[in-house]
């Protein structure tokens, strides 16, 4: 997934109201950028950090800049939670996720369940495991409290819990369901659920696994040009 425009570098002054961030660009101008991340951003929003922003060509936007990357420990962390769906879609199209290959149809944001939308719906499969529609829910991950260990969520997510319940219902209806975690950083080797942050989500995930929901977790290769799916991570349960 390429960024929508060349990125500009700056220093984070502060993030506030969840969706806003004041940034001092290298050219000396101070901007307010949109921060597309509703979570706590624990560990990935330190004031004074080097950050990178894109600029939209849409003149109707109140905040034309979007915060995309953070430099951390010699690497990049992508903080835009709108990106994982795009990253996953491109990866499936390019057959970079073997567990989700073999489907002829791929659609995004399809209505299902109780007033929900599935991130990716795979259909017209060829193979024993692909003989039913596959409902893929995608979640962004960037929390790392222990070296090499990615965690989700970074704050309480009742919406995430609801999505797990919806996936379980799809299994009961005879379909396939997959929970796909996209780690938008490249310095992790393992993944686990932060059930100390949200116990309800942790319990819902265990129930989803018992129901037959598949779990996948992949990290990303990140540069100031693009974010691309890279390799699977070990999932600790």
Protein backbone atom coordinates (compact mmCIF):
# COMPACT_ATOMS: atom_id res chain seq x y z
CA UNK A 1 0.00 0.00 0.00
CA UNK A 2 1.58 3.23 -1.18
CA UNK A 3 0.94 6.42 0.73
CA UNK A 4 -1.43 8.85 -1.05
CA UNK A 5 1.28 11.52 -1.38
CA UNK A 6 5.00 12.00 -0.62
CA UNK A 7 5.46 12.18 3.13
CA UNK A 8 6.79 15.19 5.04
CA UNK A 9 8.85 14.86 8.21
CA UNK A 10 8.36 16.70 11.49
CA UNK A 11 8.34 16.50 15.28
CA UNK A 12 5.26 15.57 17.29
CA UNK A 13 4.24 18.38 19.62
CA UNK A 14 1.24 16.59 21.10
CA UNK A 15 -1.66 14.32 20.24
CA UNK A 16 -5.03 15.34 21.68
CA UNK A 17 -8.79 14.79 21.33
CA UNK A 18 -7.82 11.35 19.99
CA UNK A 19 -7.99 12.39 16.36
CA UNK A 20 -5.73 15.47 16.27
CA UNK A 21 -1.97 15.97 16.48
CA UNK A 22 0.07 19.17 16.44
CA UNK A 23 3.30 18.72 14.50
CA UNK A 24 6.27 20.99 13.74
CA UNK A 25 7.40 20.22 10.19
CA UNK A 26 11.04 20.36 9.14
CA UNK A 27 10.32 23.49 7.09
CA UNK A 28 9.42 25.32 10.32
CA UNK A 29 5.66 25.37 9.85
CA UNK A 30 3.36 24.12 12.58
CA UNK A 31 0.34 22.07 11.48
CA UNK A 32 -2.58 20.20 12.98
CA UNK A 33 -2.84 16.78 11.39
CA UNK A 34 -5.66 14.25 11.43
CA UNK A 35 -4.75 11.23 13.55
CA UNK A 36 -6.72 8.26 12.22
CA UNK A 37 -6.36 6.19 15.38
CA UNK A 38 -9.10 5.88 18.03
CA UNK A 39 -6.99 3.80 20.43
CA UNK A 40 -4.79 4.88 23.31
CA UNK A 41 -1.64 4.78 21.11
CA UNK A 42 0.26 3.55 24.16
CA UNK A 43 3.99 3.81 23.48
CA UNK A 44 3.68 5.20 19.96
CA UNK A 45 2.86 8.87 20.55
CA UNK A 46 5.78 10.29 22.57
CA UNK A 47 6.05 14.06 22.37
CA UNK A 48 9.12 15.15 20.43
CA UNK A 49 9.23 11.99 18.31
CA UNK A 50 10.00 12.17 14.60
CA UNK A 51 6.83 11.63 12.60
CA UNK A 52 5.80 11.63 8.95
CA UNK A 53 2.58 13.03 7.46
CA UNK A 54 0.81 12.81 4.10
CA UNK A 55 -1.15 15.65 2.54
CA UNK A 56 -4.53 15.24 0.87
CA UNK A 57 -5.38 16.98 -2.39
CA UNK A 58 -8.99 17.30 -1.20
CA UNK A 59 -9.41 21.04 -0.59
CA UNK A 60 -12.63 20.45 1.37
CA UNK A 61 -10.78 18.74 4.22
CA UNK A 62 -10.47 20.80 7.39
CA UNK A 63 -7.16 19.10 8.21
CA UNK A 64 -5.36 18.29 4.94
CA UNK A 65 -2.46 16.51 6.67
CA UNK A 66 -2.68 12.96 8.03
CA UNK A 67 -0.23 11.48 10.51
CA UNK A 68 1.12 8.26 8.95
CA UNK A 69 4.40 7.14 10.56
CA UNK A 70 6.40 7.37 13.75
CA UNK A 71 10.15 6.74 13.97
CA UNK A 72 10.86 4.47 16.93
CA UNK A 73 14.05 2.61 17.91
CA UNK A 74 15.55 2.90 14.45
CA UNK A 75 12.44 1.75 12.58
CA UNK A 76 8.99 2.90 11.56
CA UNK A 77 5.59 2.31 13.13
CA UNK A 78 2.53 3.03 10.97
CA UNK A 79 -0.21 4.52 13.14
CA UNK A 80 -3.06 5.05 10.64
CA UNK A 81 -5.73 2.47 11.51
CA UNK A 82 -7.44 2.97 8.13
CA UNK A 83 -4.52 1.24 6.41
CA UNK A 84 -4.67 -2.42 7.55
CA UNK A 85 -7.79 -3.14 5.48
CA UNK A 86 -6.01 -1.84 2.38
CA UNK A 87 -2.84 -3.74 3.25
CA UNK A 88 -4.78 -6.98 3.76
CA UNK A 89 -6.80 -6.53 0.56
CA UNK A 90 -3.67 -6.01 -1.54
CA UNK A 91 -1.91 -8.94 0.13
CA UNK A 92 -4.82 -11.30 -0.56
CA UNK A 93 -5.03 -10.12 -4.17
CA UNK A 94 -1.30 -10.73 -4.58
CA UNK A 95 -1.55 -14.17 -2.92
CA UNK A 96 0.73 -13.17 -0.04
CA UNK A 97 -1.45 -14.88 2.59
CA UNK A 98 -1.53 -18.63 1.79
CA UNK A 99 -4.29 -19.24 4.35
CA UNK A 100 -6.59 -16.94 2.37
CA UNK A 101 -5.75 -18.08 -1.15
CA UNK A 102 -7.98 -20.00 -3.54
CA UNK A 103 -10.89 -17.54 -3.72
CA UNK A 104 -11.98 -15.95 -6.98
CA UNK A 105 -14.03 -13.09 -5.49
CA UNK A 106 -12.86 -10.52 -2.97
CA UNK A 107 -15.07 -7.69 -1.69
CA UNK A 108 -14.68 -5.05 1.01
CA UNK A 109 -17.12 -3.58 3.54
CA UNK A 110 -19.97 -6.04 2.92
CA UNK A 111 -23.01 -5.89 5.22
CA UNK A 112 -23.53 -8.95 7.39
CA UNK A 113 -24.72 -10.07 10.81
CA UNK A 114 -26.51 -7.60 13.05
CA UNK A 115 -25.91 -4.21 11.48
CA UNK A 116 -22.21 -4.91 10.82
CA UNK A 117 -19.86 -4.78 7.87
CA UNK A 118 -17.19 -7.37 7.29
CA UNK A 119 -13.82 -5.93 6.27
CA UNK A 120 -13.20 -8.52 3.54
CA UNK A 121 -15.50 -11.18 2.12
CA UNK A 122 -13.94 -13.98 0.06
CA UNK A 123 -16.16 -16.11 -2.18
CA UNK A 124 -16.11 -18.55 -5.12
CA UNK A 125 -13.38 -20.65 -3.57
CA UNK A 126 -11.69 -23.67 -5.00
CA UNK A 127 -10.64 -26.28 -2.49
CA UNK A 128 -11.95 -28.09 0.57
CA UNK A 129 -11.42 -25.16 2.93
CA UNK A 130 -12.68 -22.61 0.40
CA UNK A 131 -16.04 -24.20 -0.37
CA UNK A 132 -17.88 -21.65 1.79
CA UNK A 133 -17.71 -17.83 1.89
CA UNK A 134 -14.92 -16.59 4.15
CA UNK A 135 -15.52 -13.61 6.44
CA UNK A 136 -12.27 -11.80 7.30
CA UNK A 137 -12.15 -9.22 10.08
CA UNK A 138 -8.99 -7.07 10.10
CA UNK A 139 -7.53 -5.33 13.16
CA UNK A 140 -4.64 -2.90 13.41
CA UNK A 141 -1.87 -3.67 15.91
CA UNK A 142 1.00 -1.45 17.04
CA UNK A 143 1.22 -1.96 20.81
CA UNK A 144 4.54 -3.43 22.06
CA UNK A 145 5.09 -3.35 25.84
CA UNK A 146 7.71 -6.13 25.84
CA UNK A 147 10.46 -6.38 23.24
CA UNK A 148 9.40 -8.41 20.22
CA UNK A 149 5.84 -8.99 21.48
CA UNK A 150 2.95 -7.30 19.67
CA UNK A 151 -0.34 -6.99 21.56
CA UNK A 152 -3.97 -6.12 20.87
CA UNK A 153 -5.94 -4.14 21.91
CA UNK A 154 -4.30 -1.02 23.35
CA UNK A 155 -7.59 0.11 24.92
CA UNK A 156 -11.02 -1.35 25.68
CA UNK A 157 -12.83 -2.22 22.44
CA UNK A 158 -16.48 -3.20 22.75
CA UNK A 159 -16.68 -2.91 18.96
CA UNK A 160 -13.90 -5.49 18.62
CA UNK A 161 -15.73 -7.84 20.97
CA UNK A 162 -18.88 -7.48 18.90
CA UNK A 163 -16.92 -8.38 15.74
CA UNK A 164 -15.68 -11.60 17.34
CA UNK A 165 -19.25 -12.55 18.22
CA UNK A 166 -20.34 -11.84 14.63
CA UNK A 167 -17.55 -14.05 13.29
CA UNK A 168 -18.62 -16.87 15.61
CA UNK A 169 -22.15 -16.55 14.27
CA UNK A 170 -20.84 -16.95 10.72
CA UNK A 171 -19.18 -20.22 11.75
CA UNK A 172 -22.47 -21.45 13.20
CA UNK A 173 -24.16 -20.55 9.90
CA UNK A 174 -21.78 -22.89 8.08
CA UNK A 175 -19.31 -20.32 6.74
CA UNK A 176 -15.61 -19.75 7.33
CA UNK A 177 -14.45 -16.85 9.53
CA UNK A 178 -10.97 -15.43 10.06
CA UNK A 179 -9.61 -12.86 12.53
CA UNK A 180 -6.60 -11.21 10.86
CA UNK A 181 -4.29 -9.00 12.91
CA UNK A 182 -2.02 -6.65 10.95
CA UNK A 183 0.99 -5.48 12.98
CA UNK A 184 2.05 -2.14 11.48
CA UNK A 185 5.63 -2.44 12.66
CA UNK A 186 8.53 -4.74 11.83
CA UNK A 187 10.22 -5.37 15.17
CA UNK A 188 7.95 -8.08 16.60
CA UNK A 189 8.19 -11.85 16.37
CA UNK A 190 5.21 -12.86 18.49
CA UNK A 191 1.65 -11.74 19.13
CA UNK A 192 -0.74 -12.04 22.05
CA UNK A 193 -3.99 -10.59 23.33
CA UNK A 194 -3.66 -7.85 25.95
CA UNK A 195 -6.46 -9.22 28.10
CA UNK A 196 -5.21 -7.21 31.06
CA UNK A 197 -6.32 -4.13 29.09
CA UNK A 198 -9.63 -5.60 27.90
CA UNK A 199 -10.60 -8.88 29.66
CA UNK A 200 -13.93 -9.02 27.79
CA UNK A 201 -12.13 -9.03 24.44
CA UNK A 202 -9.82 -11.79 25.63
CA UNK A 203 -12.75 -13.94 26.71
CA UNK A 204 -14.60 -13.27 23.45
CA UNK A 205 -11.56 -14.37 21.46
CA UNK A 206 -11.34 -17.68 23.32
CA UNK A 207 -15.03 -18.29 22.61
CA UNK A 208 -14.47 -17.41 18.94
CA UNK A 209 -11.60 -19.91 18.72
CA UNK A 210 -13.80 -22.59 20.31
CA UNK A 211 -16.48 -21.79 17.72
CA UNK A 212 -13.96 -22.37 14.91
CA UNK A 213 -12.76 -18.87 14.00
CA UNK A 214 -9.24 -18.97 12.50
CA UNK A 215 -6.57 -16.58 13.81
CA UNK A 216 -3.86 -15.04 11.62
CA UNK A 217 -1.24 -12.41 12.42
CA UNK A 218 1.19 -10.78 10.00
CA UNK A 219 3.68 -7.96 10.41
CA UNK A 220 4.63 -5.32 7.83
CA UNK A 221 7.64 -3.90 6.04
CA UNK A 222 7.43 -0.12 6.35
CA UNK A 223 9.17 2.72 4.53
CA UNK A 224 8.31 6.36 3.86
CA UNK A 225 6.87 5.21 0.52
CA UNK A 226 4.67 2.26 1.44
CA UNK A 227 3.50 -0.34 3.94
CA UNK A 228 3.52 -3.96 2.73
CA UNK A 229 2.55 -7.20 4.44
CA UNK A 230 5.66 -9.21 5.29
CA UNK A 231 5.58 -12.40 7.38
CA UNK A 232 3.37 -14.31 9.85
CA UNK A 233 3.99 -13.95 13.59
CA UNK A 234 3.65 -16.67 16.22
CA UNK A 235 0.38 -16.31 18.12
CA UNK A 236 0.51 -16.94 21.87
CA UNK A 237 -2.74 -18.05 23.47
